Amino acid sequence: MTQTSAYRLEIDGLRAVAVLSVVVFHFFPQLLKYGYLGVDIFFVISGFLISTHLLSVEGGNTLIVLKSFYTRRIKRLFPALFFFLALSHIFVSNFFLPVDVGNFEDSLLASYTFWANVYFWRDGGYFGGNDQLKPLLHIWSLSVEEQFYLFFPIFLLISVKLRRFVKPSLEFAVLLVTIFSFILWLFLHHIGGANPAFFLLPTRIWQFGTGAILAVIASRSFGQLIPASWGLAFFIASLIAILSAFLLDIDSQLQTFLVTIGAVGFIASSTAQTSVLLSVFRSGLLVFFGKISYSLYLYHWPVAVALTYYFVDGVPTLF
């Protein structure tokens, strides 16, 4: 059994960048029109952290490890989410028109049962139009995460057990699932536009999977993912990739690929150097926003929707 990995401040700093980019996009899309890509960073971080945790208790009883994992996840996510959903229901019921309340309650059921991503995909998507009047639209990403949590820990731990009989089984299994998801993502973009690839778990697994691959490599190399001599160069390259995705008007698939690889590079290289750039991500302010990112993500979008709903002709600049 390996030791549990140490807390890494810079990952909370990266999480802060992810959530703040989404918040800026939702309130001021003209300032950061690709800020929604912050969700992609969340998926990479999530894949890395849950895989790191599961591999840190490698060798324990599988059922006990799974029970512990799901107990931690439920305590971490469900109380805040269910309180938020109940509070949103009270607000919408009192301030929205009846027809909009009915639409909200349909999405509320989907959010409680963790298939909001499928619901909103079938309901028209994410960008523009009436989607700006759906207070729970952002819950699609949490549903993707919950769906991932249902199968991946079991898959990962079974792969660990099989390693006793087939040496490369763990690495091969995670890599195979990641590659398959990546190919499916490319295929759906090619034949059906971005919408299904944007919302559905099978086309998001590759982002979780890249984080999981990092965790597997780290568990083999005692946390050192790349040589220290390459650390700063990799770190700068990862920041350039993330910034390019956020700021450049390029193909949406390339944007998604860049922000994902940038997040992977950030996590891989941040333990291999101690630059001033890294200290920014370990600073108190960014770490603070990283720690409250879940609550900030939950509540920011309904506020934006409420303002849009109330000020039909346009939200005043001051607001």
C-alpha atoms as a PDB file:
ATOM      1  CA  MET A   1       0.000   0.000   0.000  1.00  0.00           C
ATOM      2  CA  THR A   2       1.438   3.356  -1.049  1.00  0.00           C
ATOM      3  CA  GLN A   3       1.173   6.526   0.944  1.00  0.00           C
ATOM      4  CA  THR A   4      -1.490   9.104   0.331  1.00  0.00           C
ATOM      5  CA  SER A   5      -0.137  11.932  -1.822  1.00  0.00           C
ATOM      6  CA  ALA A   6       0.553  15.312  -0.286  1.00  0.00           C
ATOM      7  CA  TYR A   7      -1.799  18.232  -0.794  1.00  0.00           C
ATOM      8  CA  ARG A   8      -0.680  20.403  -3.709  1.00  0.00           C
ATOM      9  CA  LEU A   9      -1.509  24.097  -3.428  1.00  0.00           C
ATOM     10  CA  GLU A  10      -0.964  24.761  -7.114  1.00  0.00           C
ATOM     11  CA  ILE A  11      -3.775  22.391  -8.106  1.00  0.00           C
ATOM     12  CA  ASP A  12      -6.185  24.527  -6.103  1.00  0.00           C
ATOM     13  CA  GLY A  13      -4.656  27.514  -7.901  1.00  0.00           C
ATOM     14  CA  LEU A  14      -5.366  25.859 -11.244  1.00  0.00           C
ATOM     15  CA  ARG A  15      -8.882  25.019 -10.051  1.00  0.00           C
ATOM     16  CA  ALA A  16      -9.348  28.738  -9.256  1.00  0.00           C
ATOM     17  CA  VAL A  17      -8.345  29.680 -12.802  1.00  0.00           C
ATOM     18  CA  ALA A  18     -10.877  27.160 -14.108  1.00  0.00           C
ATOM     19  CA  VAL A  19     -13.820  28.385 -12.042  1.00  0.00           C
ATOM     20  CA  LEU A  20     -13.038  32.089 -12.455  1.00  0.00           C
ATOM     21  CA  SER A  21     -12.823  31.685 -16.225  1.00  0.00           C
ATOM     22  CA  VAL A  22     -16.287  30.104 -16.241  1.00  0.00           C
ATOM     23  CA  VAL A  23     -17.679  32.874 -14.007  1.00  0.00           C
ATOM     24  CA  VAL A  24     -16.230  35.615 -16.216  1.00  0.00           C
ATOM     25  CA  PHE A  25     -17.631  33.904 -19.312  1.00  0.00           C
ATOM     26  CA  HIS A  26     -21.121  33.689 -17.831  1.00  0.00           C
ATOM     27  CA  PHE A  27     -21.236  37.287 -16.606  1.00  0.00           C
ATOM     28  CA  PHE A  28     -19.052  39.012 -19.216  1.00  0.00           C
ATOM     29  CA  PRO A  29     -18.825  36.732 -22.280  1.00  0.00           C
ATOM     30  CA  GLN A  30     -17.397  39.564 -24.363  1.00  0.00           C
ATOM     31  CA  LEU A  31     -14.326  39.619 -22.090  1.00  0.00           C
ATOM     32  CA  LEU A  32     -13.585  35.892 -22.189  1.00  0.00           C
ATOM     33  CA  LYS A  33     -15.760  34.220 -24.777  1.00  0.00           C
ATOM     34  CA  TYR A  34     -14.072  30.832 -24.390  1.00  0.00           C
ATOM     35  CA  GLY A  35     -14.060  30.854 -20.595  1.00  0.00           C
ATOM     36  CA  TYR A  36     -16.367  27.824 -20.548  1.00  0.00           C
ATOM     37  CA  LEU A  37     -13.245  25.762 -21.249  1.00  0.00           C
ATOM     38  CA  GLY A  38     -12.530  26.003 -17.542  1.00  0.00           C
ATOM     39  CA  VAL A  39     -14.832  22.986 -17.158  1.00  0.00           C
ATOM     40  CA  ASP A  40     -12.365  20.936 -19.220  1.00  0.00           C
ATOM     41  CA  ILE A  41      -9.662  21.771 -16.687  1.00  0.00           C
ATOM     42  CA  PHE A  42     -11.954  20.563 -13.901  1.00  0.00           C
ATOM     43  CA  PHE A  43     -12.314  17.194 -15.612  1.00  0.00           C
ATOM     44  CA  VAL A  44      -8.536  16.696 -15.887  1.00  0.00           C
ATOM     45  CA  ILE A  45      -8.017  17.680 -12.247  1.00  0.00           C
ATOM     46  CA  SER A  46     -10.813  15.369 -11.130  1.00  0.00           C
ATOM     47  CA  GLY A  47      -9.399  12.402 -13.042  1.00  0.00           C
ATOM     48  CA  PHE A  48      -5.973  13.002 -11.538  1.00  0.00           C
ATOM     49  CA  LEU A  49      -7.092  13.507  -7.942  1.00  0.00           C
ATOM     50  CA  ILE A  50      -9.533  10.603  -7.648  1.00  0.00           C
ATOM     51  CA  SER A  51      -7.075   8.239  -9.343  1.00  0.00           C
ATOM     52  CA  THR A  52      -4.270   9.433  -7.075  1.00  0.00           C
ATOM     53  CA  HIS A  53      -6.455   8.779  -4.044  1.00  0.00           C
ATOM     54  CA  LEU A  54      -7.517   5.320  -5.202  1.00  0.00           C
ATOM     55  CA  LEU A  55      -3.969   4.299  -6.067  1.00  0.00           C
ATOM     56  CA  SER A  56      -2.719   5.612  -2.708  1.00  0.00           C
ATOM     57  CA  VAL A  57      -4.747   2.902  -0.960  1.00  0.00           C
ATOM     58  CA  GLU A  58      -3.749   0.248  -3.477  1.00  0.00           C
ATOM     59  CA  GLY A  59      -3.533  -3.178  -1.887  1.00  0.00           C
ATOM     60  CA  GLY A  60      -6.449  -2.686   0.466  1.00  0.00           C
ATOM     61  CA  ASN A  61      -9.715  -4.577   0.343  1.00  0.00           C
ATOM     62  CA  THR A  62     -11.498  -3.425  -2.819  1.00  0.00           C
ATOM     63  CA  LEU A  63     -14.956  -3.205  -1.278  1.00  0.00           C
ATOM     64  CA  ILE A  64     -13.663  -1.232   1.715  1.00  0.00           C
ATOM     65  CA  VAL A  65     -11.743   1.151  -0.547  1.00  0.00           C
ATOM     66  CA  LEU A  66     -14.807   1.719  -2.727  1.00  0.00           C
ATOM     67  CA  LYS A  67     -17.045   2.265   0.294  1.00  0.00           C
ATOM     68  CA  SER A  68     -14.602   4.814   1.682  1.00  0.00           C
ATOM     69  CA  PHE A  69     -14.311   6.564  -1.676  1.00  0.00           C
ATOM     70  CA  TYR A  70     -18.050   6.873  -2.257  1.00  0.00           C
ATOM     71  CA  THR A  71     -18.671   7.956   1.340  1.00  0.00           C
ATOM     72  CA  ARG A  72     -16.142  10.767   0.940  1.00  0.00           C
ATOM     73  CA  ARG A  73     -17.630  11.839  -2.393  1.00  0.00           C
ATOM     74  CA  ILE A  74     -21.194  11.835  -1.071  1.00  0.00           C
ATOM     75  CA  LYS A  75     -20.252  13.894   1.984  1.00  0.00           C
ATOM     76  CA  ARG A  76     -18.242  16.290  -0.158  1.00  0.00           C
ATOM     77  CA  LEU A  77     -20.756  16.863  -2.963  1.00  0.00           C
ATOM     78  CA  PHE A  78     -24.314  15.941  -2.054  1.00  0.00           C
ATOM     79  CA  PRO A  79     -25.215  18.205   0.917  1.00  0.00           C
ATOM     80  CA  ALA A  80     -24.077  21.371  -0.854  1.00  0.00           C
ATOM     81  CA  LEU A  81     -25.684  20.323  -4.147  1.00  0.00           C
ATOM     82  CA  PHE A  82     -29.037  19.309  -2.689  1.00  0.00           C
ATOM     83  CA  PHE A  83     -29.246  22.469  -0.571  1.00  0.00           C
ATOM     84  CA  PHE A  84     -28.474  24.552  -3.653  1.00  0.00           C
ATOM     85  CA  LEU A  85     -31.137  22.745  -5.699  1.00  0.00           C
ATOM     86  CA  ALA A  86     -33.758  23.207  -2.961  1.00  0.00           C
ATOM     87  CA  LEU A  87     -32.911  26.903  -2.603  1.00  0.00           C
ATOM     88  CA  SER A  88     -33.063  27.391  -6.376  1.00  0.00           C
ATOM     89  CA  HIS A  89     -36.453  25.694  -6.462  1.00  0.00           C
ATOM     90  CA  ILE A  90     -37.830  28.073  -3.832  1.00  0.00           C
ATOM     91  CA  PHE A  91     -36.523  31.118  -5.683  1.00  0.00           C
ATOM     92  CA  VAL A  92     -37.715  30.070  -9.141  1.00  0.00           C
ATOM     93  CA  SER A  93     -41.161  29.054  -7.852  1.00  0.00           C
ATOM     94  CA  ASN A  94     -41.688  32.528  -6.433  1.00  0.00           C
ATOM     95  CA  PHE A  95     -40.176  34.722  -9.124  1.00  0.00           C
ATOM     96  CA  PHE A  96     -40.420  32.949 -12.497  1.00  0.00           C
ATOM     97  CA  LEU A  97     -43.442  32.686 -14.801  1.00  0.00           C
ATOM     98  CA  PRO A  98     -45.423  29.421 -14.531  1.00  0.00           C
ATOM     99  CA  VAL A  99     -44.245  28.087 -17.883  1.00  0.00           C
ATOM    100  CA  ASP A 100     -40.611  28.686 -16.892  1.00  0.00           C
ATOM    101  CA  VAL A 101     -41.207  27.078 -13.488  1.00  0.00           C
ATOM    102  CA  GLY A 102     -42.425  23.944 -15.268  1.00  0.00           C
ATOM    103  CA  ASN A 103     -39.310  23.825 -17.451  1.00  0.00           C
ATOM    104  CA  PHE A 104     -37.144  24.401 -14.391  1.00  0.00           C
ATOM    105  CA  GLU A 105     -38.749  21.520 -12.497  1.00  0.00           C
ATOM    106  CA  ASP A 106     -38.005  19.158 -15.378  1.00  0.00           C
ATOM    107  CA  SER A 107     -34.335  20.156 -15.215  1.00  0.00           C
ATOM    108  CA  LEU A 108     -34.454  19.938 -11.414  1.00  0.00           C
ATOM    109  CA  LEU A 109     -35.438  16.266 -11.558  1.00  0.00           C
ATOM    110  CA  ALA A 110     -32.615  15.630 -14.023  1.00  0.00           C
ATOM    111  CA  SER A 111     -30.180  17.386 -11.691  1.00  0.00           C
ATOM    112  CA  TYR A 112     -31.259  15.386  -8.641  1.00  0.00           C
ATOM    113  CA  THR A 113     -30.843  12.139 -10.572  1.00  0.00           C
ATOM    114  CA  PHE A 114     -27.517  13.065 -12.234  1.00  0.00           C
ATOM    115  CA  TRP A 115     -28.480  12.972 -15.879  1.00  0.00           C
ATOM    116  CA  ALA A 116     -28.680  16.753 -16.387  1.00  0.00           C
ATOM    117  CA  ASN A 117     -26.044  16.503 -19.124  1.00  0.00           C
ATOM    118  CA  VAL A 118     -28.341  14.269 -21.193  1.00  0.00           C
ATOM    119  CA  TYR A 119     -31.377  16.426 -20.383  1.00  0.00           C
ATOM    120  CA  PHE A 120     -29.754  19.687 -21.496  1.00  0.00           C
ATOM    121  CA  TRP A 121     -28.193  18.062 -24.542  1.00  0.00           C
ATOM    122  CA  ARG A 122     -31.650  16.955 -25.697  1.00  0.00           C
ATOM    123  CA  ASP A 123     -33.126  20.297 -24.645  1.00  0.00           C
ATOM    124  CA  GLY A 124     -31.085  22.359 -27.038  1.00  0.00           C
ATOM    125  CA  GLY A 125     -27.510  22.619 -25.845  1.00  0.00           C
ATOM    126  CA  TYR A 126     -25.364  25.148 -24.019  1.00  0.00           C
ATOM    127  CA  PHE A 127     -24.811  28.233 -26.139  1.00  0.00           C
ATOM    128  CA  GLY A 128     -27.137  31.144 -26.777  1.00  0.00           C
ATOM    129  CA  GLY A 129     -30.878  31.700 -26.961  1.00  0.00           C
ATOM    130  CA  ASN A 130     -33.164  30.405 -24.235  1.00  0.00           C
ATOM    131  CA  ASP A 131     -30.317  28.431 -22.674  1.00  0.00           C
ATOM    132  CA  GLN A 132     -29.413  31.646 -20.868  1.00  0.00           C
ATOM    133  CA  LEU A 133     -32.697  31.334 -18.946  1.00  0.00           C
ATOM    134  CA  LYS A 134     -32.044  27.855 -17.530  1.00  0.00           C
ATOM    135  CA  PRO A 135     -30.858  28.238 -13.912  1.00  0.00           C
ATOM    136  CA  LEU A 136     -29.526  24.656 -13.703  1.00  0.00           C
ATOM    137  CA  LEU A 137     -27.799  24.472 -17.067  1.00  0.00           C
ATOM    138  CA  HIS A 138     -24.361  24.417 -15.461  1.00  0.00           C
ATOM    139  CA  ILE A 139     -25.214  21.244 -13.509  1.00  0.00           C
ATOM    140  CA  TRP A 140     -24.552  19.263 -16.700  1.00  0.00           C
ATOM    141  CA  SER A 141     -20.848  19.107 -15.812  1.00  0.00           C
ATOM    142  CA  LEU A 142     -21.536  17.828 -12.291  1.00  0.00           C
ATOM    143  CA  SER A 143     -23.708  15.094 -13.779  1.00  0.00           C
ATOM    144  CA  VAL A 144     -20.838  14.077 -16.055  1.00  0.00           C
ATOM    145  CA  GLU A 145     -18.553  13.860 -13.015  1.00  0.00           C
ATOM    146  CA  GLU A 146     -21.035  11.818 -11.002  1.00  0.00           C
ATOM    147  CA  GLN A 147     -21.500   9.400 -13.892  1.00  0.00           C
ATOM    148  CA  PHE A 148     -17.728   9.075 -14.143  1.00  0.00           C
ATOM    149  CA  TYR A 149     -17.489   8.372 -10.407  1.00  0.00           C
ATOM    150  CA  LEU A 150     -19.985   5.527 -10.742  1.00  0.00           C
ATOM    151  CA  PHE A 151     -17.854   3.384 -13.032  1.00  0.00           C
ATOM    152  CA  PHE A 152     -14.249   4.569 -13.044  1.00  0.00           C
ATOM    153  CA  PRO A 153     -13.187   3.729  -9.456  1.00  0.00           C
ATOM    154  CA  ILE A 154     -14.474   0.179  -9.943  1.00  0.00           C
ATOM    155  CA  PHE A 155     -12.748  -0.049 -13.312  1.00  0.00           C
ATOM    156  CA  LEU A 156      -9.467   1.291 -11.902  1.00  0.00           C
ATOM    157  CA  LEU A 157      -9.391  -1.023  -8.884  1.00  0.00           C
ATOM    158  CA  ILE A 158     -10.233  -4.098 -10.983  1.00  0.00           C
ATOM    159  CA  SER A 159      -7.374  -3.135 -13.317  1.00  0.00           C
ATOM    160  CA  VAL A 160      -5.074  -2.902 -10.278  1.00  0.00           C
ATOM    161  CA  LYS A 161      -6.075  -6.414  -9.204  1.00  0.00           C
ATOM    162  CA  LEU A 162      -5.513  -7.787 -12.713  1.00  0.00           C
ATOM    163  CA  ARG A 163      -1.972  -6.417 -12.673  1.00  0.00           C
ATOM    164  CA  ARG A 164      -0.982  -9.419 -10.560  1.00  0.00           C
ATOM    165  CA  PHE A 165      -1.617 -11.590 -13.597  1.00  0.00           C
ATOM    166  CA  VAL A 166      -0.997  -9.225 -16.514  1.00  0.00           C
ATOM    167  CA  LYS A 167       1.824  -6.781 -15.794  1.00  0.00           C
ATOM    168  CA  PRO A 168       0.813  -3.827 -18.005  1.00  0.00           C
ATOM    169  CA  SER A 169      -2.898  -4.240 -17.294  1.00  0.00           C
ATOM    170  CA  LEU A 170      -3.417  -0.995 -15.304  1.00  0.00           C
ATOM    171  CA  GLU A 171      -1.587   1.304 -17.690  1.00  0.00           C
ATOM    172  CA  PHE A 172      -3.005  -0.426 -20.749  1.00  0.00           C
ATOM    173  CA  ALA A 173      -6.602  -0.383 -19.490  1.00  0.00           C
ATOM    174  CA  VAL A 174      -6.614   3.335 -18.591  1.00  0.00           C
ATOM    175  CA  LEU A 175      -4.837   4.255 -21.822  1.00  0.00           C
ATOM    176  CA  LEU A 176      -7.200   2.149 -23.930  1.00  0.00           C
ATOM    177  CA  VAL A 177     -10.343   3.746 -22.445  1.00  0.00           C
ATOM    178  CA  THR A 178      -8.820   7.212 -22.852  1.00  0.00           C
ATOM    179  CA  ILE A 179      -7.909   6.652 -26.505  1.00  0.00           C
ATOM    180  CA  PHE A 180     -11.309   5.145 -27.318  1.00  0.00           C
ATOM    181  CA  SER A 181     -13.081   8.146 -25.773  1.00  0.00           C
ATOM    182  CA  PHE A 182     -10.808  10.565 -27.644  1.00  0.00           C
ATOM    183  CA  ILE A 183     -11.567   8.880 -30.983  1.00  0.00           C
ATOM    184  CA  LEU A 184     -15.303   8.929 -30.220  1.00  0.00           C
ATOM    185  CA  TRP A 185     -15.057  12.629 -29.358  1.00  0.00           C
ATOM    186  CA  LEU A 186     -13.393  13.348 -32.707  1.00  0.00           C
ATOM    187  CA  PHE A 187     -15.945  11.207 -34.550  1.00  0.00           C
ATOM    188  CA  LEU A 188     -19.010  12.861 -32.996  1.00  0.00           C
ATOM    189  CA  HIS A 189     -17.604  16.287 -33.735  1.00  0.00           C
ATOM    190  CA  HIS A 190     -17.118  15.229 -37.328  1.00  0.00           C
ATOM    191  CA  ILE A 191     -20.601  13.798 -37.957  1.00  0.00           C
ATOM    192  CA  GLY A 192     -22.885  15.578 -35.492  1.00  0.00           C
ATOM    193  CA  GLY A 193     -21.434  18.915 -34.522  1.00  0.00           C
ATOM    194  CA  ALA A 194     -20.157  19.795 -31.071  1.00  0.00           C
ATOM    195  CA  ASN A 195     -23.335  19.280 -29.058  1.00  0.00           C
ATOM    196  CA  PRO A 196     -23.314  15.541 -28.216  1.00  0.00           C
ATOM    197  CA  ALA A 197     -19.541  15.568 -27.825  1.00  0.00           C
ATOM    198  CA  PHE A 198     -19.837  18.515 -25.458  1.00  0.00           C
ATOM    199  CA  PHE A 199     -22.369  16.976 -23.084  1.00  0.00           C
ATOM    200  CA  LEU A 200     -21.978  13.203 -22.979  1.00  0.00           C
ATOM    201  CA  LEU A 201     -19.748  11.193 -20.655  1.00  0.00           C
ATOM    202  CA  PRO A 202     -18.256   8.850 -23.298  1.00  0.00           C
ATOM    203  CA  THR A 203     -16.774  11.860 -25.102  1.00  0.00           C
ATOM    204  CA  ARG A 204     -15.471  13.414 -21.876  1.00  0.00           C
ATOM    205  CA  ILE A 205     -13.803  10.324 -20.423  1.00  0.00           C
ATOM    206  CA  TRP A 206     -10.594  11.077 -22.312  1.00  0.00           C
ATOM    207  CA  GLN A 207     -10.164  14.276 -20.285  1.00  0.00           C
ATOM    208  CA  PHE A 208     -10.620  12.450 -16.982  1.00  0.00           C
ATOM    209  CA  GLY A 209      -8.430   9.707 -18.429  1.00  0.00           C
ATOM    210  CA  THR A 210      -5.477  11.991 -19.134  1.00  0.00           C
ATOM    211  CA  GLY A 211      -5.529  13.001 -15.474  1.00  0.00           C
ATOM    212  CA  ALA A 212      -5.788   9.338 -14.465  1.00  0.00           C
ATOM    213  CA  ILE A 213      -2.795   8.413 -16.634  1.00  0.00           C
ATOM    214  CA  LEU A 214      -0.772  11.075 -14.827  1.00  0.00           C
ATOM    215  CA  ALA A 215      -1.798   9.541 -11.497  1.00  0.00           C
ATOM    216  CA  VAL A 216      -0.736   6.071 -12.666  1.00  0.00           C
ATOM    217  CA  ILE A 217       2.662   7.375 -13.798  1.00  0.00           C
ATOM    218  CA  ALA A 218       3.085   9.294 -10.535  1.00  0.00           C
ATOM    219  CA  SER A 219       2.323   6.154  -8.515  1.00  0.00           C
ATOM    220  CA  ARG A 220       5.162   4.375 -10.343  1.00  0.00           C
ATOM    221  CA  SER A 221       7.692   7.206 -10.068  1.00  0.00           C
ATOM    222  CA  PHE A 222       7.031   8.408  -6.508  1.00  0.00           C
ATOM    223  CA  GLY A 223       5.302  11.557  -7.753  1.00  0.00           C
ATOM    224  CA  GLN A 224       8.019  12.746 -10.130  1.00  0.00           C
ATOM    225  CA  LEU A 225       6.328  12.962 -13.530  1.00  0.00           C
ATOM    226  CA  ILE A 226       9.049  14.688 -15.557  1.00  0.00           C
ATOM    227  CA  PRO A 227      12.747  15.466 -14.965  1.00  0.00           C
ATOM    228  CA  ALA A 228      13.415  18.595 -12.934  1.00  0.00           C
ATOM    229  CA  SER A 229      15.576  20.027 -15.741  1.00  0.00           C
ATOM    230  CA  TRP A 230      12.510  20.133 -17.986  1.00  0.00           C
ATOM    231  CA  GLY A 231      10.080  21.359 -15.352  1.00  0.00           C
ATOM    232  CA  LEU A 232      10.035  25.090 -16.029  1.00  0.00           C
ATOM    233  CA  ALA A 233       9.891  24.681 -19.819  1.00  0.00           C
ATOM    234  CA  PHE A 234       6.984  22.246 -19.546  1.00  0.00           C
ATOM    235  CA  PHE A 235       5.226  24.528 -17.067  1.00  0.00           C
ATOM    236  CA  ILE A 236       5.502  27.582 -19.328  1.00  0.00           C
ATOM    237  CA  ALA A 237       4.370  25.533 -22.333  1.00  0.00           C
ATOM    238  CA  SER A 238       1.333  24.327 -20.401  1.00  0.00           C
ATOM    239  CA  LEU A 239       0.360  27.900 -19.471  1.00  0.00           C
ATOM    240  CA  ILE A 240       0.763  28.990 -23.106  1.00  0.00           C
ATOM    241  CA  ALA A 241      -1.503  26.130 -24.209  1.00  0.00           C
ATOM    242  CA  ILE A 242      -4.208  27.097 -21.685  1.00  0.00           C
ATOM    243  CA  LEU A 243      -4.016  30.799 -22.539  1.00  0.00           C
ATOM    244  CA  SER A 244      -4.114  30.025 -26.274  1.00  0.00           C
ATOM    245  CA  ALA A 245      -7.298  28.014 -25.812  1.00  0.00           C
ATOM    246  CA  PHE A 246      -8.945  30.808 -23.826  1.00  0.00           C
ATOM    247  CA  LEU A 247      -7.865  33.731 -25.982  1.00  0.00           C
ATOM    248  CA  LEU A 248      -7.426  32.649 -29.619  1.00  0.00           C
ATOM    249  CA  ASP A 249     -10.187  32.317 -32.228  1.00  0.00           C
ATOM    250  CA  ILE A 250      -9.275  28.836 -33.404  1.00  0.00           C
ATOM    251  CA  ASP A 251     -11.082  25.569 -34.103  1.00  0.00           C
ATOM    252  CA  SER A 252     -13.158  24.473 -31.087  1.00  0.00           C
ATOM    253  CA  GLN A 253     -11.649  20.970 -31.117  1.00  0.00           C
ATOM    254  CA  LEU A 254      -8.150  22.440 -31.066  1.00  0.00           C
ATOM    255  CA  GLN A 255      -9.181  24.710 -28.176  1.00  0.00           C
ATOM    256  CA  THR A 256     -10.451  21.735 -26.176  1.00  0.00           C
ATOM    257  CA  PHE A 257      -7.315  19.741 -26.935  1.00  0.00           C
ATOM    258  CA  LEU A 258      -5.022  22.627 -25.990  1.00  0.00           C
ATOM    259  CA  VAL A 259      -6.715  23.391 -22.657  1.00  0.00           C
ATOM    260  CA  THR A 260      -6.737  19.679 -21.764  1.00  0.00           C
ATOM    261  CA  ILE A 261      -3.083  19.133 -22.630  1.00  0.00           C
ATOM    262  CA  GLY A 262      -2.255  22.397 -20.887  1.00  0.00           C
ATOM    263  CA  ALA A 263      -3.899  21.189 -17.668  1.00  0.00           C
ATOM    264  CA  VAL A 264      -2.068  17.856 -17.960  1.00  0.00           C
ATOM    265  CA  GLY A 265       1.249  19.637 -18.487  1.00  0.00           C
ATOM    266  CA  PHE A 266       0.587  21.951 -15.547  1.00  0.00           C
ATOM    267  CA  ILE A 267      -0.019  19.062 -13.138  1.00  0.00           C
ATOM    268  CA  ALA A 268       2.922  17.069 -14.495  1.00  0.00           C
ATOM    269  CA  SER A 269       5.471  19.884 -14.386  1.00  0.00           C
ATOM    270  CA  SER A 270       4.515  21.798 -11.242  1.00  0.00           C
ATOM    271  CA  THR A 271       6.323  19.323  -8.970  1.00  0.00           C
ATOM    272  CA  ALA A 272       9.515  19.575 -11.018  1.00  0.00           C
ATOM    273  CA  GLN A 273      10.308  23.271 -10.496  1.00  0.00           C
ATOM    274  CA  THR A 274       9.921  26.164  -8.058  1.00  0.00           C
ATOM    275  CA  SER A 275       9.569  29.224 -10.271  1.00  0.00           C
ATOM    276  CA  VAL A 276       7.940  32.577  -9.548  1.00  0.00           C
ATOM    277  CA  LEU A 277       5.161  31.536 -11.930  1.00  0.00           C
ATOM    278  CA  LEU A 278       4.412  28.513  -9.792  1.00  0.00           C
ATOM    279  CA  SER A 279       4.308  30.645  -6.649  1.00  0.00           C
ATOM    280  CA  VAL A 280       1.481  32.672  -8.211  1.00  0.00           C
ATOM    281  CA  PHE A 281      -0.658  29.528  -8.361  1.00  0.00           C
ATOM    282  CA  ARG A 282       0.266  28.738  -4.762  1.00  0.00           C
ATOM    283  CA  SER A 283      -0.675  32.223  -3.568  1.00  0.00           C
ATOM    284  CA  GLY A 284      -3.342  32.688  -0.921  1.00  0.00           C
ATOM    285  CA  LEU A 285      -5.909  34.389  -3.154  1.00  0.00           C
ATOM    286  CA  LEU A 286      -5.910  31.761  -5.901  1.00  0.00           C
ATOM    287  CA  VAL A 287      -5.852  28.915  -3.396  1.00  0.00           C
ATOM    288  CA  PHE A 288      -8.833  30.523  -1.639  1.00  0.00           C
ATOM    289  CA  PHE A 289     -10.856  30.611  -4.854  1.00  0.00           C
ATOM    290  CA  GLY A 290      -9.764  27.054  -5.565  1.00  0.00           C
ATOM    291  CA  LYS A 291     -11.074  25.903  -2.207  1.00  0.00           C
ATOM    292  CA  ILE A 292     -14.471  27.566  -2.712  1.00  0.00           C
ATOM    293  CA  SER A 293     -14.679  26.663  -6.412  1.00  0.00           C
ATOM    294  CA  TYR A 294     -17.457  24.118  -5.946  1.00  0.00           C
ATOM    295  CA  SER A 295     -19.786  26.527  -4.164  1.00  0.00           C
ATOM    296  CA  LEU A 296     -18.836  29.385  -6.475  1.00  0.00           C
ATOM    297  CA  TYR A 297     -19.607  27.209  -9.478  1.00  0.00           C
ATOM    298  CA  LEU A 298     -22.964  26.133  -8.041  1.00  0.00           C
ATOM    299  CA  TYR A 299     -24.288  29.606  -7.269  1.00  0.00           C
ATOM    300  CA  HIS A 300     -22.843  31.954  -9.874  1.00  0.00           C
ATOM    301  CA  TRP A 301     -24.895  30.855 -12.886  1.00  0.00           C
ATOM    302  CA  PRO A 302     -28.375  31.143 -11.302  1.00  0.00           C
ATOM    303  CA  VAL A 303     -27.449  34.702 -10.267  1.00  0.00           C
ATOM    304  CA  ALA A 304     -26.556  35.503 -13.885  1.00  0.00           C
ATOM    305  CA  VAL A 305     -29.812  33.918 -15.062  1.00  0.00           C
ATOM    306  CA  ALA A 306     -31.880  35.822 -12.478  1.00  0.00           C
ATOM    307  CA  LEU A 307     -30.378  39.137 -13.593  1.00  0.00           C
ATOM    308  CA  THR A 308     -31.059  38.320 -17.243  1.00  0.00           C
ATOM    309  CA  TYR A 309     -34.596  37.213 -16.392  1.00  0.00           C
ATOM    310  CA  TYR A 310     -35.390  40.368 -14.434  1.00  0.00           C
ATOM    311  CA  PHE A 311     -33.716  42.856 -16.762  1.00  0.00           C
ATOM    312  CA  VAL A 312     -35.248  41.549 -19.981  1.00  0.00           C
ATOM    313  CA  ASP A 313     -33.874  44.407 -22.094  1.00  0.00           C
ATOM    314  CA  GLY A 314     -30.348  44.017 -20.789  1.00  0.00           C
ATOM    315  CA  VAL A 315     -28.660  43.931 -17.430  1.00  0.00           C
ATOM    316  CA  PRO A 316     -27.422  47.428 -16.409  1.00  0.00           C
ATOM    317  CA  THR A 317     -23.658  47.813 -16.565  1.00  0.00           C
ATOM    318  CA  LEU A 318     -23.380  48.399 -12.808  1.00  0.00           C
ATOM    319  CA  PHE A 319     -24.923  44.994 -12.093  1.00  0.00           C
END
